[in-house]
Protein backbone atom coordinates (compact mmCIF):
# COMPACT_ATOMS: atom_id res chain seq x y z
CA MET A 1 7.01 -2.98 17.34
CA ILE A 2 6.39 -1.82 13.79
CA GLY A 3 2.74 -0.91 13.32
CA VAL A 4 1.27 -1.30 9.83
CA PHE A 5 -2.25 -0.33 8.81
CA ASP A 6 -4.35 -0.46 5.65
CA SER A 7 -7.96 0.01 4.64
CA GLY A 8 -8.31 -3.75 4.27
CA ILE A 9 -6.08 -6.77 3.92
CA GLY A 10 -4.09 -5.61 0.89
CA GLY A 11 -1.54 -4.09 3.26
CA LEU A 12 -0.50 -7.63 4.14
CA THR A 13 1.59 -7.41 0.96
CA VAL A 14 3.67 -4.84 2.89
CA VAL A 15 3.90 -7.18 5.88
CA LYS A 16 5.05 -9.95 3.55
CA ALA A 17 7.81 -7.73 2.15
CA LEU A 18 8.84 -6.56 5.63
CA LYS A 19 9.05 -10.12 6.94
CA ARG A 20 11.21 -11.09 3.99
CA HIS A 21 13.67 -8.25 4.61
CA LEU A 22 13.33 -7.86 8.41
CA PRO A 23 12.36 -11.32 9.70
CA ASP A 24 13.36 -10.65 13.32
CA TYR A 25 11.25 -7.56 13.88
CA ASP A 26 7.86 -7.70 15.64
CA ILE A 27 4.98 -6.43 13.53
CA LEU A 28 1.47 -5.30 14.45
CA TYR A 29 -1.02 -5.15 11.58
CA PHE A 30 -4.45 -3.57 11.47
CA GLY A 31 -6.75 -3.95 8.46
CA ASP A 32 -9.90 -1.84 8.56
CA THR A 33 -11.94 -4.46 6.74
CA ALA A 34 -15.26 -3.20 8.13
CA ARG A 35 -14.84 0.17 6.39
CA THR A 36 -12.92 -0.78 3.25
CA PRO A 37 -12.41 0.64 0.68
CA TYR A 38 -11.08 4.06 1.72
CA GLY A 39 -10.71 5.15 -1.89
CA THR A 40 -14.41 5.97 -2.27
CA LYS A 41 -14.59 8.04 0.93
CA SER A 42 -14.25 11.81 1.42
CA PRO A 43 -10.87 13.22 2.57
CA GLU A 44 -12.38 14.10 5.96
CA THR A 45 -13.57 10.54 6.51
CA VAL A 46 -10.24 9.03 5.40
CA ILE A 47 -8.38 11.28 7.86
CA GLN A 48 -10.73 10.26 10.67
CA TYR A 49 -10.28 6.56 9.90
CA ALA A 50 -6.48 6.87 9.58
CA VAL A 51 -6.23 8.62 12.96
CA GLU A 52 -8.32 5.89 14.58
CA ASP A 53 -6.19 3.17 12.95
CA ALA A 54 -2.99 4.82 14.19
CA GLU A 55 -4.36 5.25 17.72
CA PHE A 56 -5.25 1.55 17.86
CA LEU A 57 -1.75 0.44 16.85
CA LEU A 58 -0.03 2.86 19.24
CA GLU A 59 -2.21 1.66 22.12
CA LYS A 60 -1.11 -1.89 21.26
CA GLY A 61 2.55 -0.90 21.57
CA ALA A 62 3.65 0.20 18.10
CA GLN A 63 6.69 2.50 18.22
CA MET A 64 6.60 3.50 14.56
CA LEU A 65 3.85 3.51 11.97
CA VAL A 66 3.84 2.34 8.37
CA VAL A 67 0.87 3.61 6.37
CA ALA A 68 0.32 0.81 3.86
CA CYS A 69 -2.79 2.44 2.39
CA ASN A 70 -2.19 4.73 -0.59
CA THR A 71 -5.43 6.62 -0.01
CA ALA A 72 -4.56 7.30 3.64
CA SER A 73 -0.98 8.14 2.66
CA SER A 74 -2.12 10.73 0.12
CA THR A 75 -4.80 12.25 2.35
CA ALA A 76 -3.88 11.79 6.01
CA THR A 77 -0.07 11.68 6.34
CA ASP A 78 0.32 15.34 7.31
CA THR A 79 -2.40 15.03 9.97
CA LEU A 80 -0.85 11.85 11.37
CA LYS A 81 2.60 13.47 11.63
CA GLU A 82 1.13 16.51 13.38
CA ARG A 83 -0.83 14.43 15.87
CA PHE A 84 1.55 11.57 16.76
CA ASP A 85 5.12 11.83 18.00
CA VAL A 86 6.42 8.64 16.38
CA PRO A 87 8.15 7.95 13.06
CA ILE A 88 5.56 7.62 10.27
CA LEU A 89 6.44 6.22 6.84
CA GLU A 90 4.00 6.39 3.96
CA VAL A 91 3.78 4.25 0.84
CA ILE A 92 3.84 6.89 -1.90
CA SER A 93 7.31 8.49 -1.74
CA PRO A 94 9.26 5.20 -1.99
CA ALA A 95 7.38 4.18 -5.16
CA VAL A 96 7.92 7.63 -6.67
CA ASN A 97 11.64 7.52 -5.95
CA MET A 98 11.88 4.12 -7.60
CA ALA A 99 9.96 5.34 -10.65
CA VAL A 100 12.16 8.37 -11.27
CA SER A 101 15.48 6.68 -10.54
CA ASP A 102 15.88 5.33 -14.09
CA SER A 103 16.71 8.27 -16.34
CA LYS A 104 15.73 6.30 -19.44
CA ARG A 105 12.11 6.15 -18.34
CA THR A 106 10.10 9.29 -19.07
CA ARG A 107 6.41 8.26 -19.28
CA VAL A 108 4.89 7.13 -15.99
CA GLY A 109 1.51 5.53 -15.50
CA ILE A 110 -0.23 5.34 -12.13
CA ILE A 111 -3.19 3.19 -11.14
CA GLY A 112 -4.96 3.67 -7.83
CA THR A 113 -8.23 4.41 -6.09
CA ARG A 114 -10.21 7.51 -7.09
CA ALA A 115 -9.11 9.28 -3.91
CA THR A 116 -5.42 8.64 -4.60
CA VAL A 117 -5.68 9.66 -8.26
CA ASN A 118 -7.75 12.77 -7.49
CA SER A 119 -5.20 13.90 -4.91
CA ARG A 120 -2.56 14.13 -7.68
CA VAL A 121 0.01 13.29 -5.02
CA TYR A 122 1.99 10.95 -7.28
CA GLU A 123 2.06 13.43 -10.13
CA ASP A 124 3.12 16.28 -7.84
CA LYS A 125 5.92 14.28 -6.26
CA ILE A 126 7.21 12.99 -9.60
CA LYS A 127 7.12 16.45 -11.19
CA ALA A 128 8.95 17.93 -8.20
CA ILE A 129 11.88 15.58 -8.87
CA ARG A 130 11.74 15.34 -12.68
CA PRO A 131 9.58 18.05 -14.26
CA GLU A 132 10.15 16.69 -17.74
CA MET A 133 8.39 13.39 -17.01
CA LYS A 134 4.97 12.72 -18.48
CA VAL A 135 2.56 11.36 -15.89
CA TYR A 136 -0.75 9.64 -16.63
CA SER A 137 -3.14 8.44 -13.93
CA GLN A 138 -5.99 5.96 -14.10
CA PRO A 139 -8.48 5.32 -11.27
CA CYS A 140 -9.36 1.64 -10.83
CA PRO A 141 -12.18 1.60 -8.26
CA LEU A 142 -13.20 -2.02 -8.82
CA LEU A 143 -9.83 -3.63 -8.11
CA VAL A 144 -9.84 -3.36 -4.30
CA PRO A 145 -13.29 -4.99 -3.97
CA LEU A 146 -12.21 -7.73 -6.39
CA VAL A 147 -9.10 -8.46 -4.30
CA GLU A 148 -11.08 -8.39 -1.04
CA GLU A 149 -13.54 -10.82 -2.62
CA GLY A 150 -10.69 -13.13 -3.60
CA TRP A 151 -11.30 -12.84 -7.35
CA LEU A 152 -7.58 -12.90 -8.13
CA LYS A 153 -7.73 -15.17 -11.19
CA LYS A 154 -11.26 -14.69 -12.47
CA GLY A 155 -11.85 -13.95 -16.13
CA GLU A 156 -13.93 -10.93 -15.16
CA THR A 157 -10.98 -9.51 -13.23
CA ARG A 158 -8.70 -9.90 -16.24
CA LYS A 159 -11.20 -8.10 -18.47
CA ILE A 160 -11.60 -5.22 -16.01
CA ILE A 161 -7.83 -4.81 -15.66
CA LYS A 162 -7.43 -4.78 -19.44
CA LYS A 163 -10.07 -2.06 -19.74
CA TYR A 164 -8.50 0.06 -16.98
CA LEU A 165 -5.00 -0.22 -18.48
CA HIS A 166 -6.01 0.55 -22.07
CA PRO A 167 -5.75 4.38 -21.73
CA LEU A 168 -2.25 4.02 -20.26
CA LYS A 169 -1.19 1.57 -22.93
CA VAL A 170 -2.27 4.06 -25.60
CA LYS A 171 -0.02 6.67 -23.95
CA GLN A 172 2.92 4.25 -24.36
CA ILE A 173 4.05 4.46 -20.74
CA ASP A 174 7.34 2.80 -19.87
CA VAL A 175 6.82 2.49 -16.10
CA LEU A 176 3.66 1.73 -14.12
CA ILE A 177 3.26 2.40 -10.40
CA LEU A 178 0.83 0.14 -8.56
CA GLY A 179 -0.65 2.90 -6.42
CA CYS A 180 -2.46 0.59 -4.01
CA THR A 181 -1.07 -2.18 -1.82
CA HIS A 182 -3.91 -4.47 -2.92
CA TYR A 183 -2.64 -4.40 -6.50
CA PRO A 184 0.52 -6.53 -6.08
CA LEU A 185 -1.85 -9.49 -5.71
CA LEU A 186 -2.85 -8.79 -9.32
CA LYS A 187 0.67 -7.98 -10.51
CA ASP A 188 1.03 -10.92 -12.90
CA ILE A 189 -2.21 -10.02 -14.70
CA ILE A 190 -1.31 -6.32 -14.74
CA GLN A 191 2.13 -7.04 -16.19
CA ALA A 192 0.65 -9.27 -18.88
CA LYS A 193 -1.98 -6.69 -19.87
CA ILE A 194 0.33 -3.65 -19.88
CA GLY A 195 3.16 -5.43 -21.72
CA LYS A 196 6.60 -6.81 -20.88
CA ARG A 197 8.49 -3.66 -21.83
CA VAL A 198 6.77 -1.66 -19.05
CA LYS A 199 8.48 -1.71 -15.65
CA VAL A 200 5.85 -2.38 -12.98
CA ILE A 201 6.65 -0.91 -9.56
CA ASP A 202 5.29 -2.76 -6.55
CA SER A 203 4.59 -0.08 -3.93
CA SER A 204 4.69 -2.62 -1.08
CA GLU A 205 8.22 -3.69 -2.00
CA ALA A 206 9.34 -0.07 -2.38
CA LEU A 207 7.92 0.76 1.06
CA SER A 208 9.71 -2.15 2.74
CA VAL A 209 13.04 -0.93 1.32
CA SER A 210 12.23 2.53 2.69
CA VAL A 211 11.62 1.06 6.17
CA ILE A 212 14.97 -0.73 6.03
CA ASP A 213 16.76 2.49 5.06
CA PHE A 214 14.99 4.41 7.83
CA LEU A 215 16.00 1.92 10.52
CA HIS A 216 19.59 1.85 9.22
CA ASN A 217 19.79 5.64 9.55
CA ASN A 218 17.90 5.96 12.85
CA SER A 219 19.59 3.69 15.36
CA ASP A 220 17.74 5.29 18.29
CA VAL A 221 14.42 4.06 16.90
CA GLU A 222 15.81 0.74 15.69
CA SER A 223 17.26 -0.12 19.10
CA ARG A 224 13.85 0.24 20.78
CA LEU A 225 12.03 -2.17 18.48
CA LYS A 226 11.32 -5.69 19.73
CA LYS A 227 12.91 -8.47 17.73
CA ASP A 228 11.14 -11.70 18.65
CA GLY A 229 9.96 -12.28 15.07
CA THR A 230 6.28 -12.20 16.04
CA CYS A 231 3.34 -10.89 14.03
CA GLN A 232 -0.12 -9.96 15.29
CA PHE A 233 -2.98 -9.36 12.89
CA TYR A 234 -6.10 -7.37 13.74
CA VAL A 235 -9.10 -6.57 11.55
CA SER A 236 -12.28 -4.56 12.16
CA ASP A 237 -14.40 -7.22 10.46
CA ILE A 238 -13.62 -10.87 9.94
CA THR A 239 -14.93 -13.37 7.42
CA GLU A 240 -13.77 -16.73 6.16
CA GLN A 241 -12.96 -15.03 2.84
CA PHE A 242 -10.60 -12.56 4.53
CA GLU A 243 -8.82 -15.39 6.32
CA GLN A 244 -8.33 -17.27 3.06
CA ILE A 245 -6.91 -14.21 1.28
CA ALA A 246 -4.60 -13.47 4.20
CA GLY A 247 -3.33 -17.03 4.00
CA THR A 248 -2.78 -16.65 0.26
CA ILE A 249 -0.74 -13.48 0.76
CA LEU A 250 1.41 -14.77 3.62
CA LYS A 251 1.61 -18.38 2.41
CA GLY A 252 0.17 -20.05 5.48
CA THR A 253 -2.53 -19.97 8.13
CA VAL A 254 -3.01 -16.48 9.54
CA LYS A 255 -4.84 -15.84 12.80
CA LEU A 256 -6.91 -12.68 12.40
CA GLU A 257 -8.19 -11.10 15.63
CA HIS A 258 -11.45 -9.18 15.42
CA VAL A 259 -11.50 -5.78 17.14
CA ARG A 260 -13.96 -2.88 17.16
CA LEU A 261 -12.57 0.63 17.01
């Protein structure tokens, strides 16, 4: 099974993309909704949470891990790869590769949690591939709570997004990376506020393409994965609001199972 974890339910955007591209593969999802958001936590705490998330999925039978959380990807990936002997794919590199693939684009904007932005992981990876690119980052700490609250179309959300994007718009960026898997749920508003000429990169879609490429090139792993087309969804806290948002993301009723780590 493919194990996917996130700090909350935003990582279901990754599950949605995976199910679109790999409909036959079994998926285990864990959303740490009791401790979301990770972006306001210290690196030590994020690493601890990510290790616990990974252990839960592996105990449930996951044979590879997909880190759908940008904060955990930027902070805990090295620790996870040292501790667990399974393939681990993170969400940052695929989005970076997509951003730098178009030679005409030279000014990149990144929005994410404070932890992701402060890590400078996107900037470092982009500069390592294309040193001439200009990279501008903007922390957006309110967006994850707004998504988790289900405020996807509220006027207040639109105003906050406009305010967050203003510094990047002034820099005249031509590509914007959504550095959090919650943000694709706000993609239409983000695209409208940043402008049509800016290419918006959905990190969840980029990650799903990366998973496909990995399985294509690693037949030994691919052959061990179950392909009954089932999905199991676990969360560390459950509310009616979470269930409604999950249904919105996956376009149907989603059964969330409550577990305590």
